[in-house]
Amino acid sequence: MEGQRAESRDGIVAVASDDTFAHTYPDLRALREDPIMAPDSDHRNDLEFFDVNGRRLLPVFGPTRKLTELRESAGEADPGLLQRRLAAVVRHAANHLRAHPELTEPFGLTPEAAIATLPRPEAESLAETLAAFPHQDQPQIRATWWQPRTVAYAHQGNYFHNALHAAGWTHP
């Protein structure tokens, strides 16, 4: 059926409707497997979906309330909108780190040093920005400054992944 996308070959971007969180997924299977999409998740209805080109994707849920597919919206892709939304997510994470310096202390970082490691959507292409966002398709590689003694303080994801979770969203 035209307009439907059973599996996205290009990737899927999930953005919180209030621009406080975002993750990327390689395909629909990976998105479905994230506990955030479980029928009883507190967050799944607060997410909006895009492909990596900025086209809005509309979720379709089956009779068991599980995500079954994503359909391309009728509108044109708007990569600028997606880039602005991701920039808002980064600003939210940066503001949260400034307001909670204790979150960066276990990593031996000041809030400003931690913020300097975050993506810069306003100075990058959409592809560069998306590459810096947490991906659910592979284990996260620790940043070079990550000290082994601090790993216990964080989720297995990279620092940015952990900053997003610290700013308010958690995997169930």
N, C-alpha and C. Protein backbone atom coordinates (compact mmCIF):
# COMPACT_ATOMS: atom_id res chain seq x y z
N MET A 1 0.84 -1.17 0.00
CA MET A 1 0.00 0.00 0.00
C MET A 1 0.89 1.24 0.00
N GLU A 2 0.64 2.14 -0.90
CA GLU A 2 1.47 3.34 -0.99
C GLU A 2 1.25 4.21 0.24
N GLY A 3 2.30 4.87 0.70
CA GLY A 3 2.20 5.72 1.88
C GLY A 3 2.48 4.98 3.16
N GLN A 4 2.63 3.65 3.09
CA GLN A 4 2.95 2.88 4.27
C GLN A 4 4.41 2.52 4.27
N ARG A 5 4.93 2.31 5.42
CA ARG A 5 6.33 1.95 5.55
C ARG A 5 6.42 0.86 6.60
N ALA A 6 6.45 -0.40 6.14
CA ALA A 6 6.53 -1.50 7.09
C ALA A 6 7.89 -1.53 7.77
N GLU A 7 8.93 -1.26 7.05
CA GLU A 7 10.29 -1.20 7.60
C GLU A 7 10.98 0.00 6.98
N SER A 8 11.51 0.87 7.79
CA SER A 8 12.24 2.02 7.27
C SER A 8 13.68 1.61 7.05
N ARG A 9 14.15 1.72 5.81
CA ARG A 9 15.53 1.37 5.51
C ARG A 9 16.46 2.50 5.92
N ASP A 10 15.94 3.71 6.03
CA ASP A 10 16.77 4.87 6.31
C ASP A 10 16.91 5.17 7.79
N GLY A 11 16.05 4.66 8.60
CA GLY A 11 16.09 4.94 10.01
C GLY A 11 14.87 5.73 10.45
N ILE A 12 14.62 5.67 11.74
CA ILE A 12 13.47 6.32 12.35
C ILE A 12 13.98 7.19 13.48
N VAL A 13 13.41 8.37 13.60
CA VAL A 13 13.74 9.29 14.67
C VAL A 13 12.49 9.48 15.52
N ALA A 14 12.60 9.20 16.81
CA ALA A 14 11.50 9.43 17.75
C ALA A 14 11.84 10.67 18.56
N VAL A 15 10.93 11.64 18.57
CA VAL A 15 11.14 12.89 19.29
C VAL A 15 9.96 13.10 20.23
N ALA A 16 10.24 13.43 21.48
CA ALA A 16 9.17 13.73 22.42
C ALA A 16 8.38 14.92 21.92
N SER A 17 7.08 14.88 22.12
CA SER A 17 6.23 15.97 21.62
C SER A 17 6.58 17.31 22.25
N ASP A 18 7.21 17.29 23.42
CA ASP A 18 7.63 18.54 24.06
C ASP A 18 9.13 18.82 23.86
N ASP A 19 9.76 18.10 22.94
CA ASP A 19 11.18 18.30 22.58
C ASP A 19 12.13 18.13 23.75
N THR A 20 11.83 17.20 24.64
CA THR A 20 12.72 16.94 25.77
C THR A 20 13.55 15.68 25.60
N PHE A 21 13.32 14.92 24.52
CA PHE A 21 14.00 13.64 24.38
C PHE A 21 13.95 13.22 22.92
N ALA A 22 14.96 12.48 22.46
CA ALA A 22 14.95 11.91 21.12
C ALA A 22 15.87 10.70 21.08
N HIS A 23 15.50 9.73 20.27
CA HIS A 23 16.31 8.55 19.99
C HIS A 23 16.19 8.25 18.50
N THR A 24 17.16 7.54 17.98
CA THR A 24 17.07 7.08 16.59
C THR A 24 17.06 5.56 16.59
N TYR A 25 16.44 5.01 15.57
CA TYR A 25 16.31 3.57 15.42
C TYR A 25 16.63 3.21 13.97
N PRO A 26 17.27 2.08 13.73
CA PRO A 26 17.60 1.71 12.35
C PRO A 26 16.38 1.29 11.54
N ASP A 27 15.35 0.76 12.24
CA ASP A 27 14.17 0.26 11.53
C ASP A 27 13.02 0.07 12.51
N LEU A 28 11.89 -0.32 11.96
CA LEU A 28 10.68 -0.48 12.76
C LEU A 28 10.85 -1.59 13.80
N ARG A 29 11.53 -2.66 13.44
CA ARG A 29 11.75 -3.76 14.39
C ARG A 29 12.45 -3.26 15.65
N ALA A 30 13.50 -2.48 15.49
CA ALA A 30 14.23 -1.96 16.65
C ALA A 30 13.35 -1.03 17.48
N LEU A 31 12.55 -0.21 16.82
CA LEU A 31 11.63 0.67 17.55
C LEU A 31 10.63 -0.15 18.35
N ARG A 32 10.06 -1.17 17.72
CA ARG A 32 9.08 -2.02 18.42
C ARG A 32 9.69 -2.70 19.64
N GLU A 33 10.97 -3.06 19.56
CA GLU A 33 11.63 -3.79 20.65
C GLU A 33 12.01 -2.89 21.82
N ASP A 34 12.02 -1.59 21.62
CA ASP A 34 12.36 -0.69 22.72
C ASP A 34 11.19 -0.69 23.72
N PRO A 35 11.47 -0.94 25.00
CA PRO A 35 10.39 -0.96 25.99
C PRO A 35 9.57 0.34 26.02
N ILE A 36 10.12 1.41 25.49
CA ILE A 36 9.40 2.68 25.47
C ILE A 36 8.13 2.58 24.61
N MET A 37 8.09 1.57 23.70
CA MET A 37 6.92 1.39 22.83
C MET A 37 5.95 0.32 23.33
N ALA A 38 6.19 -0.22 24.52
CA ALA A 38 5.29 -1.23 25.07
C ALA A 38 3.90 -0.62 25.28
N PRO A 39 2.86 -1.42 25.15
CA PRO A 39 1.50 -0.90 25.32
C PRO A 39 1.26 -0.17 26.64
N ASP A 40 1.98 -0.56 27.69
CA ASP A 40 1.79 0.08 28.99
C ASP A 40 2.82 1.16 29.30
N SER A 41 3.61 1.55 28.32
CA SER A 41 4.63 2.59 28.53
C SER A 41 3.98 3.94 28.77
N ASP A 42 4.57 4.68 29.69
CA ASP A 42 4.08 6.03 29.97
C ASP A 42 4.45 7.02 28.88
N HIS A 43 5.41 6.67 28.02
CA HIS A 43 5.94 7.64 27.06
C HIS A 43 5.52 7.46 25.61
N ARG A 44 5.10 6.29 25.22
CA ARG A 44 4.93 6.05 23.78
C ARG A 44 3.94 6.99 23.11
N ASN A 45 2.92 7.44 23.83
CA ASN A 45 1.95 8.35 23.23
C ASN A 45 2.46 9.79 23.19
N ASP A 46 3.61 10.03 23.78
CA ASP A 46 4.20 11.37 23.79
C ASP A 46 5.29 11.51 22.73
N LEU A 47 5.40 10.54 21.85
CA LEU A 47 6.45 10.55 20.82
C LEU A 47 5.88 10.89 19.45
N GLU A 48 6.71 11.59 18.67
CA GLU A 48 6.41 11.84 17.27
C GLU A 48 7.53 11.20 16.46
N PHE A 49 7.24 10.73 15.28
CA PHE A 49 8.20 9.97 14.50
C PHE A 49 8.49 10.63 13.16
N PHE A 50 9.75 10.51 12.74
CA PHE A 50 10.22 11.05 11.48
C PHE A 50 11.16 10.05 10.84
N ASP A 51 11.30 10.11 9.52
CA ASP A 51 12.40 9.39 8.91
C ASP A 51 13.62 10.33 8.94
N VAL A 52 14.76 9.84 8.52
CA VAL A 52 15.98 10.64 8.63
C VAL A 52 16.04 11.81 7.66
N ASN A 53 15.06 11.89 6.78
CA ASN A 53 14.97 13.02 5.85
C ASN A 53 13.99 14.09 6.32
N GLY A 54 13.37 13.86 7.48
CA GLY A 54 12.45 14.83 8.04
C GLY A 54 10.99 14.62 7.66
N ARG A 55 10.67 13.50 7.06
CA ARG A 55 9.26 13.20 6.75
C ARG A 55 8.60 12.64 8.00
N ARG A 56 7.45 13.19 8.34
CA ARG A 56 6.70 12.73 9.51
C ARG A 56 6.16 11.33 9.24
N LEU A 57 6.26 10.45 10.24
CA LEU A 57 5.75 9.08 10.17
C LEU A 57 4.66 8.93 11.22
N LEU A 58 3.55 8.36 10.83
CA LEU A 58 2.40 8.22 11.71
C LEU A 58 2.31 6.80 12.23
N PRO A 59 2.25 6.61 13.57
CA PRO A 59 2.20 5.27 14.13
C PRO A 59 0.83 4.63 13.94
N VAL A 60 0.83 3.32 13.71
CA VAL A 60 -0.39 2.53 13.62
C VAL A 60 -0.27 1.44 14.67
N PHE A 61 -1.28 1.33 15.52
CA PHE A 61 -1.27 0.33 16.59
C PHE A 61 -2.31 -0.74 16.29
N GLY A 62 -1.96 -1.99 16.58
CA GLY A 62 -2.86 -3.12 16.34
C GLY A 62 -3.84 -3.32 17.48
N PRO A 63 -4.65 -4.37 17.39
CA PRO A 63 -5.67 -4.63 18.41
C PRO A 63 -5.10 -4.90 19.80
N THR A 64 -3.84 -5.34 19.87
CA THR A 64 -3.21 -5.58 21.18
C THR A 64 -2.46 -4.34 21.66
N ARG A 65 -2.67 -3.22 20.98
CA ARG A 65 -2.06 -1.92 21.31
C ARG A 65 -0.55 -1.90 21.06
N LYS A 66 -0.06 -2.85 20.26
CA LYS A 66 1.35 -2.84 19.88
C LYS A 66 1.51 -2.09 18.57
N LEU A 67 2.65 -1.42 18.43
CA LEU A 67 2.96 -0.71 17.19
C LEU A 67 3.09 -1.74 16.07
N THR A 68 2.34 -1.53 14.99
CA THR A 68 2.40 -2.47 13.87
C THR A 68 3.12 -1.89 12.67
N GLU A 69 3.03 -0.58 12.47
CA GLU A 69 3.69 0.04 11.32
C GLU A 69 3.78 1.54 11.52
N LEU A 70 4.54 2.16 10.64
CA LEU A 70 4.61 3.61 10.54
C LEU A 70 4.23 3.97 9.11
N ARG A 71 3.34 4.92 8.98
CA ARG A 71 2.91 5.36 7.65
C ARG A 71 3.47 6.75 7.39
N GLU A 72 3.94 6.95 6.18
CA GLU A 72 4.42 8.28 5.80
C GLU A 72 3.25 9.24 5.77
N SER A 73 3.44 10.43 6.31
CA SER A 73 2.39 11.43 6.25
C SER A 73 2.28 11.96 4.83
N ALA A 74 1.20 12.63 4.55
CA ALA A 74 0.97 13.16 3.20
C ALA A 74 1.85 14.36 2.90
N GLY A 75 2.31 15.05 3.90
CA GLY A 75 3.11 16.26 3.69
C GLY A 75 4.51 15.95 3.19
N GLU A 76 5.16 17.00 2.74
CA GLU A 76 6.55 16.89 2.28
C GLU A 76 7.49 16.71 3.47
N ALA A 77 8.63 16.12 3.21
CA ALA A 77 9.67 16.03 4.23
C ALA A 77 10.11 17.45 4.59
N ASP A 78 10.40 17.66 5.88
CA ASP A 78 10.85 18.97 6.33
C ASP A 78 12.08 18.78 7.22
N PRO A 79 13.25 18.59 6.58
CA PRO A 79 14.46 18.36 7.37
C PRO A 79 14.78 19.51 8.32
N GLY A 80 14.42 20.73 7.95
CA GLY A 80 14.66 21.87 8.83
C GLY A 80 13.86 21.78 10.12
N LEU A 81 12.62 21.32 10.02
CA LEU A 81 11.80 21.15 11.22
C LEU A 81 12.43 20.11 12.14
N LEU A 82 12.83 18.97 11.57
CA LEU A 82 13.44 17.94 12.40
C LEU A 82 14.72 18.46 13.03
N GLN A 83 15.52 19.19 12.29
CA GLN A 83 16.77 19.75 12.82
C GLN A 83 16.47 20.71 13.99
N ARG A 84 15.44 21.54 13.84
CA ARG A 84 15.07 22.47 14.92
C ARG A 84 14.57 21.72 16.15
N ARG A 85 13.82 20.65 15.93
CA ARG A 85 13.32 19.84 17.05
C ARG A 85 14.49 19.20 17.80
N LEU A 86 15.47 18.68 17.06
CA LEU A 86 16.63 18.06 17.69
C LEU A 86 17.46 19.11 18.42
N ALA A 87 17.56 20.31 17.87
CA ALA A 87 18.27 21.40 18.56
C ALA A 87 17.58 21.73 19.88
N ALA A 88 16.24 21.69 19.89
CA ALA A 88 15.50 21.96 21.13
C ALA A 88 15.77 20.86 22.16
N VAL A 89 15.90 19.62 21.72
CA VAL A 89 16.21 18.51 22.63
C VAL A 89 17.59 18.73 23.25
N VAL A 90 18.56 19.12 22.44
CA VAL A 90 19.92 19.37 22.95
C VAL A 90 19.90 20.53 23.93
N ARG A 91 19.17 21.60 23.62
CA ARG A 91 19.08 22.74 24.55
C ARG A 91 18.47 22.31 25.88
N HIS A 92 17.44 21.47 25.82
CA HIS A 92 16.81 20.98 27.04
C HIS A 92 17.82 20.20 27.89
N ALA A 93 18.57 19.30 27.25
CA ALA A 93 19.58 18.52 27.98
C ALA A 93 20.64 19.44 28.58
N ALA A 94 21.10 20.43 27.82
CA ALA A 94 22.12 21.37 28.30
C ALA A 94 21.60 22.17 29.49
N ASN A 95 20.38 22.66 29.40
CA ASN A 95 19.79 23.43 30.51
C ASN A 95 19.65 22.57 31.75
N HIS A 96 19.28 21.31 31.56
CA HIS A 96 19.14 20.40 32.71
C HIS A 96 20.50 20.16 33.36
N LEU A 97 21.54 19.98 32.56
CA LEU A 97 22.88 19.77 33.12
C LEU A 97 23.36 21.01 33.88
N ARG A 98 23.07 22.19 33.35
CA ARG A 98 23.44 23.43 34.07
C ARG A 98 22.72 23.53 35.41
N ALA A 99 21.46 23.13 35.43
CA ALA A 99 20.66 23.22 36.65
C ALA A 99 21.00 22.12 37.65
N HIS A 100 21.66 21.06 37.19
CA HIS A 100 21.99 19.92 38.06
C HIS A 100 23.45 19.52 37.88
N PRO A 101 24.38 20.36 38.35
CA PRO A 101 25.80 20.06 38.17
C PRO A 101 26.23 18.75 38.82
N GLU A 102 25.47 18.27 39.78
CA GLU A 102 25.82 17.00 40.42
C GLU A 102 25.78 15.82 39.45
N LEU A 103 25.07 15.98 38.34
CA LEU A 103 24.99 14.91 37.35
C LEU A 103 26.29 14.73 36.58
N THR A 104 27.09 15.77 36.49
CA THR A 104 28.35 15.67 35.73
C THR A 104 29.54 15.37 36.63
N GLU A 105 29.40 15.59 37.92
CA GLU A 105 30.52 15.39 38.85
C GLU A 105 31.11 13.98 38.82
N PRO A 106 30.28 12.91 38.78
CA PRO A 106 30.87 11.56 38.77
C PRO A 106 31.75 11.30 37.56
N PHE A 107 31.61 12.12 36.52
CA PHE A 107 32.39 11.95 35.31
C PHE A 107 33.62 12.86 35.27
N GLY A 108 33.83 13.60 36.36
CA GLY A 108 34.96 14.51 36.41
C GLY A 108 34.80 15.68 35.47
N LEU A 109 33.56 16.06 35.18
CA LEU A 109 33.29 17.15 34.25
C LEU A 109 32.51 18.26 34.93
N THR A 110 32.78 19.46 34.51
CA THR A 110 31.91 20.57 34.88
C THR A 110 30.69 20.50 33.96
N PRO A 111 29.60 21.13 34.33
CA PRO A 111 28.45 21.14 33.41
C PRO A 111 28.83 21.69 32.03
N GLU A 112 29.62 22.75 31.97
CA GLU A 112 29.98 23.32 30.67
C GLU A 112 30.85 22.38 29.84
N ALA A 113 31.75 21.64 30.49
CA ALA A 113 32.57 20.67 29.76
C ALA A 113 31.69 19.54 29.22
N ALA A 114 30.73 19.11 30.02
CA ALA A 114 29.80 18.06 29.56
C ALA A 114 28.95 18.57 28.41
N ILE A 115 28.48 19.79 28.52
CA ILE A 115 27.64 20.38 27.47
C ILE A 115 28.43 20.51 26.17
N ALA A 116 29.70 20.77 26.28
CA ALA A 116 30.55 20.90 25.08
C ALA A 116 30.62 19.60 24.29
N THR A 117 30.31 18.46 24.92
CA THR A 117 30.33 17.18 24.22
C THR A 117 29.04 16.89 23.47
N LEU A 118 28.01 17.69 23.70
CA LEU A 118 26.71 17.44 23.08
C LEU A 118 26.73 17.85 21.61
N PRO A 119 25.82 17.29 20.81
CA PRO A 119 25.74 17.69 19.40
C PRO A 119 25.43 19.18 19.27
N ARG A 120 25.75 19.75 18.13
CA ARG A 120 25.51 21.17 17.81
C ARG A 120 24.63 21.24 16.56
N PRO A 121 23.34 20.95 16.68
CA PRO A 121 22.48 20.91 15.50
C PRO A 121 22.48 22.20 14.68
N GLU A 122 22.65 23.34 15.32
CA GLU A 122 22.63 24.61 14.60
C GLU A 122 23.86 24.79 13.71
N ALA A 123 24.90 23.99 13.92
CA ALA A 123 26.14 24.11 13.14
C ALA A 123 26.45 22.86 12.33
N GLU A 124 25.53 21.90 12.33
CA GLU A 124 25.77 20.62 11.67
C GLU A 124 24.68 20.34 10.65
N SER A 125 24.95 19.40 9.77
CA SER A 125 23.91 18.90 8.87
C SER A 125 22.98 18.00 9.67
N LEU A 126 21.82 17.73 9.12
CA LEU A 126 20.89 16.82 9.79
C LEU A 126 21.53 15.45 9.97
N ALA A 127 22.24 14.96 8.97
CA ALA A 127 22.90 13.65 9.07
C ALA A 127 23.93 13.64 10.21
N GLU A 128 24.72 14.72 10.34
CA GLU A 128 25.71 14.79 11.42
C GLU A 128 25.02 14.82 12.79
N THR A 129 23.95 15.57 12.89
CA THR A 129 23.21 15.64 14.15
C THR A 129 22.65 14.27 14.51
N LEU A 130 22.01 13.62 13.54
CA LEU A 130 21.43 12.31 13.82
C LEU A 130 22.48 11.29 14.22
N ALA A 131 23.66 11.38 13.65
CA ALA A 131 24.73 10.44 13.99
C ALA A 131 25.14 10.57 15.45
N ALA A 132 24.95 11.74 16.04
CA ALA A 132 25.34 11.97 17.43
C ALA A 132 24.25 11.56 18.42
N PHE A 133 23.02 11.36 17.94
CA PHE A 133 21.93 11.00 18.84
C PHE A 133 22.01 9.53 19.20
N PRO A 134 21.47 9.18 20.38
CA PRO A 134 21.50 7.77 20.79
C PRO A 134 20.82 6.88 19.76
N HIS A 135 21.49 5.79 19.45
CA HIS A 135 20.97 4.81 18.50
C HIS A 135 20.63 3.54 19.25
N GLN A 136 19.57 2.91 18.86
CA GLN A 136 19.15 1.67 19.51
C GLN A 136 19.56 0.44 18.71
N ASP A 137 20.47 0.57 17.74
CA ASP A 137 20.83 -0.57 16.91
C ASP A 137 22.13 -1.23 17.30
N GLN A 138 22.88 -0.61 18.18
CA GLN A 138 24.17 -1.17 18.55
C GLN A 138 24.56 -0.66 19.94
N PRO A 139 25.42 -1.39 20.63
CA PRO A 139 25.86 -0.89 21.93
C PRO A 139 26.55 0.46 21.75
N GLN A 140 26.32 1.33 22.69
CA GLN A 140 26.94 2.65 22.62
C GLN A 140 28.43 2.55 22.93
N ILE A 141 29.23 3.32 22.23
CA ILE A 141 30.66 3.38 22.47
C ILE A 141 30.90 4.50 23.47
N ARG A 142 31.62 4.20 24.51
CA ARG A 142 31.88 5.23 25.52
C ARG A 142 32.75 6.34 24.96
N ALA A 143 32.45 7.55 25.37
CA ALA A 143 33.27 8.69 24.96
C ALA A 143 34.69 8.49 25.47
N THR A 144 35.67 9.08 24.81
CA THR A 144 37.07 8.86 25.16
C THR A 144 37.39 9.34 26.57
N TRP A 145 36.65 10.30 27.10
CA TRP A 145 36.93 10.81 28.44
C TRP A 145 36.29 9.97 29.54
N TRP A 146 35.47 8.99 29.16
CA TRP A 146 34.74 8.21 30.14
C TRP A 146 35.71 7.37 30.96
N GLN A 147 35.71 7.55 32.25
CA GLN A 147 36.63 6.83 33.11
C GLN A 147 35.97 5.54 33.61
N PRO A 148 36.72 4.44 33.63
CA PRO A 148 36.12 3.16 34.05
C PRO A 148 35.44 3.23 35.41
N ARG A 149 35.96 4.02 36.32
CA ARG A 149 35.36 4.06 37.66
C ARG A 149 34.00 4.73 37.66
N THR A 150 33.63 5.41 36.59
CA THR A 150 32.36 6.12 36.56
C THR A 150 31.27 5.39 35.80
N VAL A 151 31.60 4.28 35.17
CA VAL A 151 30.61 3.57 34.36
C VAL A 151 29.40 3.16 35.20
N ALA A 152 29.63 2.80 36.45
CA ALA A 152 28.53 2.36 37.31
C ALA A 152 27.49 3.44 37.52
N TYR A 153 27.83 4.69 37.30
CA TYR A 153 26.90 5.79 37.52
C TYR A 153 25.95 6.00 36.35
N ALA A 154 26.18 5.31 35.25
CA ALA A 154 25.45 5.65 34.05
C ALA A 154 24.82 4.44 33.37
N HIS A 155 23.86 4.74 32.52
CA HIS A 155 23.26 3.75 31.62
C HIS A 155 24.35 3.32 30.64
N GLN A 156 24.17 2.22 29.93
CA GLN A 156 25.18 1.72 29.01
C GLN A 156 25.39 2.65 27.82
N GLY A 157 24.50 3.60 27.60
CA GLY A 157 24.64 4.50 26.45
C GLY A 157 25.75 5.50 26.64
N ASN A 158 25.95 6.35 25.62
CA ASN A 158 26.99 7.36 25.70
C ASN A 158 26.56 8.51 26.61
N TYR A 159 27.44 9.49 26.80
CA TYR A 159 27.14 10.58 27.72
C TYR A 159 25.88 11.32 27.30
N PHE A 160 25.73 11.60 26.02
CA PHE A 160 24.54 12.31 25.55
C PHE A 160 23.29 11.50 25.84
N HIS A 161 23.35 10.19 25.62
CA HIS A 161 22.23 9.31 25.93
C HIS A 161 21.87 9.47 27.41
N ASN A 162 22.88 9.42 28.26
CA ASN A 162 22.63 9.54 29.69
C ASN A 162 22.13 10.93 30.07
N ALA A 163 22.61 11.96 29.39
CA ALA A 163 22.13 13.32 29.66
C ALA A 163 20.65 13.43 29.32
N LEU A 164 20.23 12.80 28.22
CA LEU A 164 18.81 12.84 27.87
C LEU A 164 17.97 12.14 28.93
N HIS A 165 18.45 11.00 29.41
CA HIS A 165 17.71 10.31 30.45
C HIS A 165 17.71 11.12 31.74
N ALA A 166 18.81 11.73 32.08
CA ALA A 166 18.88 12.54 33.29
C ALA A 166 17.91 13.71 33.23
N ALA A 167 17.64 14.19 32.02
CA ALA A 167 16.75 15.34 31.84
C ALA A 167 15.28 14.95 31.91
N GLY A 168 14.99 13.67 32.15
CA GLY A 168 13.60 13.36 32.43
C GLY A 168 12.99 12.11 31.82
N TRP A 169 13.59 11.51 30.80
CA TRP A 169 12.99 10.32 30.20
C TRP A 169 13.81 9.10 30.58
N THR A 170 13.13 8.01 30.86
CA THR A 170 13.83 6.77 31.16
C THR A 170 13.21 5.64 30.36
N HIS A 171 14.03 4.63 30.05
CA HIS A 171 13.47 3.41 29.46
C HIS A 171 12.77 2.66 30.58
N PRO A 172 11.60 2.11 30.29
CA PRO A 172 10.90 1.33 31.34
C PRO A 172 11.73 0.15 31.81
